[in-house]
Amino acid sequence: MRKTLLGAISPEEFLREYWQKKPLLIRQAWTDFPEIIDYARLAQLAERDDVQSRLIEYKNEQWRLESGPFTPSRLKRLGETDWTILVQSVNHLIPHISELLYRFNFLPYTRLDDLMISYAPPGGTVGPHYDSYDVFLLQVGGKKRWQISSDDASGFIEDAPIRVLKDFNPEQEWILEHGDMLYLPPQYAHYGVALEPGMTYSIGFRAPKTQEIAVKFLEYLQDEICLDGMYADPDATVTTVPARIDAQFTDRISQMLQNIQWDDERVKDFIGRYFTEPPPHVFFDQTEDLLDFDDFAAAVATSGVMLDLKSQMLYSDDALFINGEVLECHADALGALQELANNRQLGAGIYTEELLETLFTYYEYGYITLKPIQ
């Protein structure tokens, strides 16, 4: 049985009793790390221009925010206390971090966002704040004091470069050590301060705003719908106020707009495209030494394939989506590709020509890669 990160609680109990309802502290949730992403490794990532990183300092009662990439000389100037460096989407960069993120697959991939890693020396903090989404905070190395509160009504400090609550009145407090994890629902105020040098692995969940979904869906529709007809007014009459928008014109335009309709299949297509679309800073690197089809098929038989760490793949009843695109395939390949979407990998084996052709296409795009031979 695959080990979960919820301690003695089953995923079903967690979703029923805690998810989006109340916090949960899980002692020794996860300690099986093949590698600790410590400050030295995190600093290397923060120096890359294809990685989103931030540095937050609190000096002289003022908050300071810098965005990466950072130069080595800038990071060497950091003091011994009172700063935090944060690197987004480390799951796109390091395989075992990706594997850790996808251990939360008791929730749909449409909700899973990314795994951010932050490092802080003693006193390092990003201040009391709340998030608009669910988050798991996993302590890796060191110790951090977390205080939480259900009261988030104080508002944020004006003119601060980050969202820090004006007033924070903690209701609960814990010291998290290596392997401990804290779950917080949306809008739950929290304040973490490093007591010893260490990392926080933050597993965040996607919770788009209604406005965002509406705007993106309307953008999607403009490329998908094709409406017949055009404006006509054979019963037009003479007007003495030509600049006035009259009721008859308004009614006819309104009737034209009533033709904009959609059904569940259209919504599923939008979800598949939008929720797999890579962020603007994500690019896929094609392997310089691509195998030809026959060698690729032989390698799949030996090792299998897996999604690139940056790839997102979803499916509905009869459609597949990868990185914002509809994935075209033969019907016979559908089941195996759904398995690839769910497990993010396919094991070694002899597969049909139709499936191999599809896999090879997306291998050439850089969306999937060959699994390393164990």
Protein backbone atom coordinates (compact mmCIF):
# COMPACT_ATOMS: atom_id res chain seq x y z
CA MET A 1 0.00 0.00 0.00
CA ARG A 2 1.37 3.38 -0.99
CA LYS A 3 2.29 5.56 1.96
CA THR A 4 0.30 8.80 2.23
CA LEU A 5 1.31 12.07 3.85
CA LEU A 6 -1.69 12.26 6.16
CA GLY A 7 -0.42 10.17 9.05
CA ALA A 8 -3.10 7.96 10.56
CA ILE A 9 -5.86 9.78 8.68
CA SER A 10 -7.18 8.35 5.43
CA PRO A 11 -7.66 10.65 2.42
CA GLU A 12 -11.43 10.10 2.72
CA GLU A 13 -11.44 11.24 6.36
CA PHE A 14 -9.20 14.18 5.57
CA LEU A 15 -11.48 15.42 2.80
CA ARG A 16 -14.58 14.88 4.91
CA GLU A 17 -13.34 16.44 8.15
CA TYR A 18 -10.60 18.94 7.27
CA TRP A 19 -10.39 19.93 3.59
CA GLN A 20 -11.47 23.59 3.29
CA LYS A 21 -12.87 23.38 6.82
CA LYS A 22 -10.16 23.48 9.49
CA PRO A 23 -6.38 23.17 9.97
CA LEU A 24 -4.60 19.90 10.60
CA LEU A 25 -1.14 19.29 12.05
CA ILE A 26 0.49 16.00 11.01
CA ARG A 27 3.61 15.03 12.92
CA GLN A 28 6.23 13.15 10.88
CA ALA A 29 4.07 13.28 7.76
CA TRP A 30 7.01 12.67 5.43
CA THR A 31 10.72 12.11 6.03
CA ASP A 32 11.64 9.96 3.02
CA PHE A 33 13.74 12.46 1.07
CA PRO A 34 16.35 11.05 -1.34
CA GLU A 35 17.92 14.51 -1.30
CA ILE A 36 17.36 17.59 0.86
CA ILE A 37 17.01 20.75 -1.22
CA ASP A 38 19.08 22.89 1.13
CA TYR A 39 20.06 26.54 0.81
CA ALA A 40 23.04 25.83 -1.46
CA ARG A 41 20.86 23.96 -3.96
CA LEU A 42 18.02 26.46 -3.67
CA ALA A 43 20.40 29.36 -4.29
CA GLN A 44 21.56 27.71 -7.50
CA LEU A 45 17.96 27.51 -8.68
CA ALA A 46 17.31 31.13 -7.69
CA GLU A 47 20.16 32.22 -9.96
CA ARG A 48 18.47 30.75 -13.06
CA ASP A 49 16.53 33.03 -15.39
CA ASP A 50 13.98 30.30 -16.21
CA VAL A 51 12.97 29.97 -12.54
CA GLN A 52 10.67 32.26 -10.55
CA SER A 53 12.27 33.25 -7.24
CA ARG A 54 11.87 35.92 -4.58
CA LEU A 55 13.83 37.27 -1.64
CA ILE A 56 11.97 38.77 1.32
CA GLU A 57 13.76 40.71 4.07
CA TYR A 58 12.51 42.51 7.14
CA LYS A 59 14.89 45.27 8.16
CA ASN A 60 14.37 48.35 10.30
CA GLU A 61 10.65 47.53 10.55
CA GLN A 62 10.36 47.61 6.76
CA TRP A 63 9.51 44.79 4.37
CA ARG A 64 11.66 44.43 1.28
CA LEU A 65 10.98 42.26 -1.76
CA GLU A 66 13.32 41.40 -4.62
CA SER A 67 12.60 39.14 -7.58
CA GLY A 68 15.14 36.81 -9.18
CA PRO A 69 17.18 35.74 -10.91
CA PHE A 70 19.81 36.60 -8.29
CA THR A 71 23.54 36.92 -8.75
CA PRO A 72 25.87 34.93 -6.47
CA SER A 73 27.29 38.19 -5.15
CA ARG A 74 23.79 39.36 -4.10
CA LEU A 75 23.13 36.18 -2.17
CA LYS A 76 26.54 36.35 -0.47
CA ARG A 77 25.56 39.73 1.02
CA LEU A 78 22.66 38.24 2.97
CA GLY A 79 22.93 38.42 6.74
CA GLU A 80 22.68 35.58 9.22
CA THR A 81 19.05 36.29 10.16
CA ASP A 82 15.73 37.80 9.07
CA TRP A 83 15.35 36.86 5.40
CA THR A 84 13.63 34.22 3.31
CA ILE A 85 14.32 33.04 -0.23
CA LEU A 86 11.50 31.35 -2.14
CA VAL A 87 11.61 29.34 -5.38
CA GLN A 88 8.40 28.45 -7.22
CA SER A 89 7.55 25.23 -9.05
CA VAL A 90 10.57 23.21 -7.95
CA ASN A 91 8.55 20.20 -9.10
CA HIS A 92 9.34 21.34 -12.67
CA LEU A 93 13.05 21.01 -11.99
CA ILE A 94 13.77 18.07 -9.68
CA PRO A 95 12.22 14.60 -10.17
CA HIS A 96 11.81 13.58 -6.54
CA ILE A 97 10.11 16.90 -5.75
CA SER A 98 7.68 16.23 -8.57
CA GLU A 99 7.03 12.77 -7.15
CA LEU A 100 6.33 14.30 -3.73
CA LEU A 101 3.85 16.79 -5.21
CA TYR A 102 1.93 14.07 -7.02
CA ARG A 103 1.55 12.05 -3.84
CA PHE A 104 -1.34 14.45 -3.24
CA ASN A 105 -3.20 12.80 -6.12
CA PHE A 106 -6.14 11.91 -3.89
CA LEU A 107 -7.30 15.28 -5.24
CA PRO A 108 -7.73 15.96 -8.97
CA TYR A 109 -4.81 17.31 -10.97
CA THR A 110 -7.07 20.22 -11.96
CA ARG A 111 -6.64 21.45 -8.37
CA LEU A 112 -2.98 20.67 -7.81
CA ASP A 113 -0.73 23.66 -8.50
CA ASP A 114 2.96 23.48 -7.56
CA LEU A 115 5.52 22.82 -4.87
CA MET A 116 7.40 25.92 -3.73
CA ILE A 117 10.48 25.65 -1.51
CA SER A 118 11.57 28.43 0.82
CA TYR A 119 14.67 28.65 2.98
CA ALA A 120 15.02 30.86 6.04
CA PRO A 121 17.73 31.33 8.67
CA PRO A 122 16.67 32.19 12.25
CA GLY A 123 14.15 35.03 12.24
CA GLY A 124 13.30 34.52 8.58
CA THR A 125 9.62 35.09 7.84
CA VAL A 126 7.24 36.41 5.20
CA GLY A 127 5.01 37.90 7.90
CA PRO A 128 1.48 37.07 9.03
CA HIS A 129 -0.78 36.61 6.01
CA TYR A 130 -3.39 34.35 4.51
CA ASP A 131 -3.68 32.60 1.16
CA SER A 132 -6.72 32.32 -1.07
CA TYR A 133 -6.03 28.63 -1.64
CA ASP A 134 -5.42 25.44 0.35
CA VAL A 135 -1.80 24.79 1.31
CA PHE A 136 0.26 22.09 3.00
CA LEU A 137 3.40 23.37 4.76
CA LEU A 138 6.02 20.63 5.15
CA GLN A 139 9.02 21.38 7.36
CA VAL A 140 12.31 20.03 5.98
CA GLY A 141 15.28 20.49 8.30
CA GLY A 142 15.46 22.98 11.16
CA LYS A 143 12.54 24.23 13.21
CA LYS A 144 9.84 26.81 12.53
CA ARG A 145 7.19 28.28 14.81
CA TRP A 146 3.76 28.52 13.19
CA GLN A 147 0.94 30.58 14.64
CA ILE A 148 -2.50 30.50 13.04
CA SER A 149 -5.78 32.35 13.37
CA SER A 150 -9.23 32.09 11.81
CA ASP A 151 -9.51 35.90 12.05
CA ASP A 152 -8.24 37.50 8.83
CA ALA A 153 -10.28 40.72 8.96
CA SER A 154 -7.54 43.22 9.86
CA GLY A 155 -6.52 43.97 6.28
CA PHE A 156 -3.01 44.26 4.92
CA ILE A 157 -0.30 46.81 5.64
CA GLU A 158 -0.56 49.58 3.08
CA ASP A 159 2.35 50.22 0.72
CA ALA A 160 4.12 46.99 1.78
CA PRO A 161 5.58 45.06 -1.19
CA ILE A 162 4.04 41.82 0.13
CA ARG A 163 0.71 41.01 1.75
CA VAL A 164 1.25 41.29 5.52
CA LEU A 165 -1.67 41.57 7.92
CA LYS A 166 -1.88 44.76 9.99
CA ASP A 167 -2.94 42.88 13.10
CA PHE A 168 -2.51 39.22 13.89
CA ASN A 169 -3.97 37.54 16.97
CA PRO A 170 -2.86 33.89 17.08
CA GLU A 171 -5.30 31.26 18.28
CA GLN A 172 -2.97 28.24 18.02
CA GLU A 173 0.79 27.73 17.92
CA TRP A 174 3.11 24.83 17.09
CA ILE A 175 6.80 24.20 16.56
CA LEU A 176 7.31 22.17 13.38
CA GLU A 177 10.39 19.99 13.06
CA HIS A 178 11.78 17.96 10.18
CA GLY A 179 8.98 15.95 8.54
CA ASP A 180 6.07 17.71 10.28
CA MET A 181 3.34 19.17 8.08
CA LEU A 182 0.57 21.72 8.61
CA TYR A 183 -2.53 21.90 6.42
CA LEU A 184 -4.37 25.24 6.19
CA PRO A 185 -7.67 25.95 4.42
CA PRO A 186 -8.08 29.13 2.35
CA GLN A 187 -8.30 32.46 4.19
CA TYR A 188 -6.69 31.04 7.35
CA ALA A 189 -4.17 33.54 8.69
CA HIS A 190 -0.74 32.10 9.49
CA TYR A 191 2.62 33.38 10.64
CA GLY A 192 5.76 31.29 10.38
CA VAL A 193 9.12 32.29 11.85
CA ALA A 194 12.25 30.16 11.48
CA LEU A 195 13.84 29.18 14.79
CA GLU A 196 16.64 27.26 13.09
CA PRO A 197 17.84 27.27 9.48
CA GLY A 198 15.52 25.11 7.42
CA MET A 199 13.19 24.75 4.48
CA THR A 200 9.43 24.82 4.03
CA TYR A 201 8.01 22.80 1.16
CA SER A 202 4.71 24.50 0.31
CA ILE A 203 2.23 22.40 -1.66
CA GLY A 204 -0.30 24.81 -3.11
CA PHE A 205 -3.64 24.13 -4.77
CA ARG A 206 -5.15 25.93 -7.72
CA ALA A 207 -8.29 27.94 -6.93
CA PRO A 208 -9.06 30.29 -9.84
CA LYS A 209 -11.32 33.27 -9.25
CA THR A 210 -14.71 33.35 -10.97
CA GLN A 211 -13.62 36.44 -12.91
CA GLU A 212 -10.53 34.63 -14.21
CA ILE A 213 -12.54 31.62 -15.39
CA ALA A 214 -15.18 33.81 -17.03
CA VAL A 215 -12.62 35.91 -18.91
CA LYS A 216 -10.63 32.88 -20.06
CA PHE A 217 -13.78 31.02 -21.13
CA LEU A 218 -14.94 33.99 -23.22
CA GLU A 219 -11.48 34.14 -24.81
CA TYR A 220 -11.78 30.42 -25.54
CA LEU A 221 -15.24 30.87 -27.09
CA GLN A 222 -14.10 33.50 -29.55
CA ASP A 223 -11.88 30.90 -31.19
CA GLU A 224 -14.40 28.07 -30.99
CA ILE A 225 -17.84 29.41 -31.90
CA CYS A 226 -19.10 30.19 -35.38
CA LEU A 227 -22.51 31.90 -35.51
CA ASP A 228 -24.64 32.36 -38.61
CA GLY A 229 -26.62 35.46 -39.51
CA MET A 230 -26.02 39.19 -39.48
CA TYR A 231 -27.79 42.30 -38.30
CA ALA A 232 -30.86 43.31 -40.30
CA ASP A 233 -33.58 45.90 -39.77
CA PRO A 234 -36.02 45.88 -42.71
CA ASP A 235 -38.59 47.72 -40.57
CA ALA A 236 -36.31 50.71 -39.84
CA THR A 237 -38.00 54.11 -39.42
CA VAL A 238 -36.76 57.68 -39.67
CA THR A 239 -35.02 59.00 -36.55
CA THR A 240 -34.56 62.60 -35.41
CA VAL A 241 -31.96 61.61 -32.77
CA PRO A 242 -29.37 59.60 -34.75
CA ALA A 243 -26.83 59.46 -31.89
CA ARG A 244 -29.28 57.78 -29.52
CA ILE A 245 -29.00 54.02 -28.88
CA ASP A 246 -32.64 53.07 -29.23
CA ALA A 247 -34.54 50.18 -27.68
CA GLN A 248 -35.11 48.38 -30.99
CA PHE A 249 -31.40 48.27 -31.83
CA THR A 250 -30.58 47.14 -28.30
CA ASP A 251 -33.16 44.37 -28.47
CA ARG A 252 -31.84 43.05 -31.78
CA ILE A 253 -28.23 43.01 -30.57
CA SER A 254 -29.38 41.25 -27.40
CA GLN A 255 -31.13 38.60 -29.51
CA MET A 256 -27.94 38.06 -31.51
CA LEU A 257 -25.99 37.53 -28.29
CA GLN A 258 -28.50 34.89 -27.17
CA ASN A 259 -27.00 32.66 -29.85
CA ILE A 260 -23.83 32.31 -27.75
CA GLN A 261 -24.44 28.98 -26.04
CA TRP A 262 -22.42 26.11 -24.70
CA ASP A 263 -22.90 22.69 -23.21
CA ASP A 264 -20.96 20.45 -20.83
CA GLU A 265 -18.83 19.05 -23.65
CA ARG A 266 -17.70 22.56 -24.55
CA VAL A 267 -16.89 23.27 -20.90
CA LYS A 268 -14.88 20.03 -20.62
CA ASP A 269 -12.91 21.02 -23.71
CA PHE A 270 -12.18 24.42 -22.16
CA ILE A 271 -11.13 22.81 -18.86
CA GLY A 272 -8.82 20.37 -20.61
CA ARG A 273 -7.09 23.10 -22.57
CA TYR A 274 -6.96 25.80 -19.91
CA PHE A 275 -5.97 23.66 -16.92
CA THR A 276 -3.09 22.03 -18.81
CA GLU A 277 -1.79 25.23 -20.38
CA PRO A 278 1.78 25.90 -19.21
CA PRO A 279 2.54 29.21 -17.47
CA PRO A 280 4.18 31.86 -19.71
CA HIS A 281 7.66 31.22 -18.28
CA VAL A 282 7.58 27.48 -19.03
CA PHE A 283 9.25 26.17 -22.17
CA PHE A 284 9.91 22.64 -23.32
CA ASP A 285 13.40 21.65 -24.40
CA GLN A 286 13.63 19.17 -27.20
CA THR A 287 16.32 16.56 -26.67
CA GLU A 288 19.31 17.33 -28.85
CA ASP A 289 19.89 13.65 -29.64
CA LEU A 290 16.37 12.51 -30.47
CA LEU A 291 16.00 8.85 -31.26
CA ASP A 292 14.35 7.79 -34.47
CA PHE A 293 11.04 5.97 -34.25
CA ASP A 294 12.42 2.43 -34.22
CA ASP A 295 15.01 3.20 -31.53
CA PHE A 296 12.35 5.04 -29.53
CA ALA A 297 10.01 2.04 -29.68
CA ALA A 298 12.85 -0.24 -28.53
CA ALA A 299 13.64 2.11 -25.63
CA VAL A 300 9.96 2.21 -24.58
CA ALA A 301 9.93 -1.57 -24.51
CA THR A 302 12.98 -1.53 -22.22
CA SER A 303 12.28 1.40 -19.91
CA GLY A 304 8.86 2.96 -20.55
CA VAL A 305 8.00 6.66 -20.79
CA MET A 306 7.00 9.43 -18.42
CA LEU A 307 5.63 12.94 -18.69
CA ASP A 308 8.17 15.72 -18.65
CA LEU A 309 8.24 17.33 -15.19
CA LYS A 310 6.63 20.47 -16.65
CA SER A 311 3.91 18.64 -18.58
CA GLN A 312 0.27 18.62 -17.53
CA MET A 313 -2.12 16.01 -18.91
CA LEU A 314 -5.86 15.58 -18.36
CA TYR A 315 -8.66 13.68 -20.03
CA SER A 316 -12.45 13.56 -20.26
CA ASP A 317 -14.55 10.61 -21.39
CA ASP A 318 -13.36 10.72 -24.98
CA ALA A 319 -10.73 13.44 -25.22
CA LEU A 320 -7.15 13.92 -24.01
CA PHE A 321 -5.32 17.17 -23.34
CA ILE A 322 -1.65 17.92 -22.86
CA ASN A 323 -0.04 21.31 -22.26
CA GLY A 324 -2.99 23.30 -23.56
CA GLU A 325 -3.57 21.14 -26.64
CA VAL A 326 -5.99 18.42 -27.63
CA LEU A 327 -4.03 15.18 -27.90
CA GLU A 328 -5.03 13.36 -31.06
CA CYS A 329 -4.79 9.58 -30.93
CA HIS A 330 -6.22 6.33 -32.23
CA ALA A 331 -9.12 4.96 -30.17
CA ASP A 332 -7.09 1.86 -29.31
CA ALA A 333 -4.48 4.05 -27.59
CA LEU A 334 -6.96 5.87 -25.37
CA GLY A 335 -6.74 3.58 -22.34
CA ALA A 336 -2.93 3.59 -22.17
CA LEU A 337 -2.82 7.37 -22.57
CA GLN A 338 -5.34 7.79 -19.76
CA GLU A 339 -3.02 5.63 -17.63
CA LEU A 340 -0.14 7.93 -18.59
CA ALA A 341 -2.21 10.95 -17.52
CA ASN A 342 -3.13 9.43 -14.15
CA ASN A 343 0.25 7.93 -13.25
CA ARG A 344 2.45 10.34 -15.23
CA GLN A 345 4.30 7.32 -16.60
CA LEU A 346 3.90 4.09 -18.54
CA GLY A 347 5.98 1.07 -17.68
CA ALA A 348 8.20 -0.85 -20.04
CA GLY A 349 6.33 -3.02 -22.50
CA ILE A 350 5.43 -3.80 -26.07
CA TYR A 351 2.79 -1.32 -27.15
CA THR A 352 0.69 -0.98 -30.27
CA GLU A 353 1.97 0.89 -33.30
CA GLU A 354 -0.81 3.47 -32.89
CA LEU A 355 0.17 4.24 -29.29
CA LEU A 356 3.88 4.38 -30.09
CA GLU A 357 3.25 6.83 -32.92
CA THR A 358 1.38 9.13 -30.53
CA LEU A 359 4.04 8.82 -27.85
CA PHE A 360 6.76 9.51 -30.39
CA THR A 361 5.04 12.71 -31.57
CA TYR A 362 4.98 14.14 -28.06
CA TYR A 363 8.47 12.85 -27.35
CA GLU A 364 9.62 15.00 -30.28
CA TYR A 365 7.78 17.98 -28.76
CA GLY A 366 9.58 17.45 -25.45
CA TYR A 367 6.30 16.75 -23.62
CA ILE A 368 7.29 13.21 -22.64
CA THR A 369 10.64 11.57 -22.01
CA LEU A 370 12.00 8.06 -21.72
CA LYS A 371 12.15 6.71 -18.18
CA PRO A 372 15.64 6.16 -16.84
CA ILE A 373 16.64 2.51 -16.81
CA GLN A 374 16.72 1.37 -13.18
